[in-house]
């Protein structure tokens, strides 16, 4: 899976965000630093979403399965 990350130069360094993943934002003094920070932000959001949804109680109407997305 691939995401599109946008980086912008600001007075303090750089900011970055992931277009496909709201809330995945980061900042850094250098472009290298913000790239590292955005990867951490992506990981944290995916883990938090997994934990939140994993805690929901299954019912007899619940179906849970994995899905893979190939990008072009």
Protein backbone atom coordinates (compact mmCIF):
# COMPACT_ATOMS: atom_id res chain seq x y z
CA UNK A 1 0.00 0.00 0.00
CA UNK A 2 1.26 3.45 -0.84
CA UNK A 3 0.19 6.85 0.42
CA UNK A 4 0.68 10.32 -1.03
CA UNK A 5 2.57 12.61 1.32
CA UNK A 6 2.68 16.36 0.78
CA UNK A 7 5.55 18.40 2.22
CA UNK A 8 5.61 22.16 2.58
CA UNK A 9 8.48 24.43 3.56
CA UNK A 10 7.60 26.78 6.43
CA UNK A 11 9.65 29.21 8.55
CA UNK A 12 10.29 26.55 11.22
CA UNK A 13 11.33 23.84 8.75
CA UNK A 14 8.85 21.50 7.05
CA UNK A 15 5.35 20.20 7.60
CA UNK A 16 3.88 17.16 5.98
CA UNK A 17 0.57 15.34 5.72
CA UNK A 18 -0.85 12.25 4.08
CA UNK A 19 -3.62 12.97 1.59
CA UNK A 20 -5.37 9.62 2.04
CA UNK A 21 -5.10 9.44 5.82
CA UNK A 22 -6.66 12.35 7.72
CA UNK A 23 -4.78 13.11 10.91
CA UNK A 24 -1.43 11.84 9.65
CA UNK A 25 0.50 15.09 10.01
CA UNK A 26 4.07 15.82 11.02
CA UNK A 27 6.66 18.54 11.24
CA UNK A 28 10.43 18.66 11.35
CA UNK A 29 13.43 20.94 11.07
CA UNK A 30 14.61 19.16 7.93
CA UNK A 31 12.88 17.29 5.14
CA UNK A 32 14.54 14.10 6.34
CA UNK A 33 13.19 14.62 9.85
CA UNK A 34 9.62 15.29 8.70
CA UNK A 35 9.77 12.16 6.51
CA UNK A 36 10.70 10.07 9.55
CA UNK A 37 8.00 11.75 11.63
CA UNK A 38 5.30 11.20 9.00
CA UNK A 39 6.06 7.46 8.94
CA UNK A 40 5.64 7.39 12.71
CA UNK A 41 2.35 9.31 12.42
CA UNK A 42 1.03 6.83 9.84
CA UNK A 43 1.97 3.89 12.05
CA UNK A 44 0.38 5.46 15.13
CA UNK A 45 -2.91 6.20 13.33
CA UNK A 46 -3.16 2.72 11.83
CA UNK A 47 -2.41 1.10 15.20
CA UNK A 48 -4.89 3.33 17.03
CA UNK A 49 -7.62 2.60 14.49
CA UNK A 50 -6.93 -1.11 14.73
CA UNK A 51 -7.10 -1.05 18.53
CA UNK A 52 -10.27 1.05 18.56
CA UNK A 53 -12.10 -1.09 16.05
CA UNK A 54 -10.71 -4.31 17.52
CA UNK A 55 -12.33 -3.47 20.85
CA UNK A 56 -15.82 -3.31 19.39
CA UNK A 57 -17.97 -6.21 20.45
CA UNK A 58 -18.75 -8.68 17.68
CA UNK A 59 -22.35 -9.66 17.10
CA UNK A 60 -23.91 -12.47 15.16
CA UNK A 61 -24.07 -10.02 12.23
CA UNK A 62 -20.37 -9.11 12.34
CA UNK A 63 -17.99 -10.32 9.66
CA UNK A 64 -14.32 -9.47 10.01
CA UNK A 65 -11.76 -10.20 7.30
CA UNK A 66 -8.48 -8.85 5.99
CA UNK A 67 -8.25 -7.04 2.67
CA UNK A 68 -5.20 -6.09 0.60
CA UNK A 69 -4.98 -3.14 -1.72
CA UNK A 70 -2.62 -3.14 -4.67
CA UNK A 71 -1.78 0.27 -6.07
CA UNK A 72 -1.10 1.08 -9.68
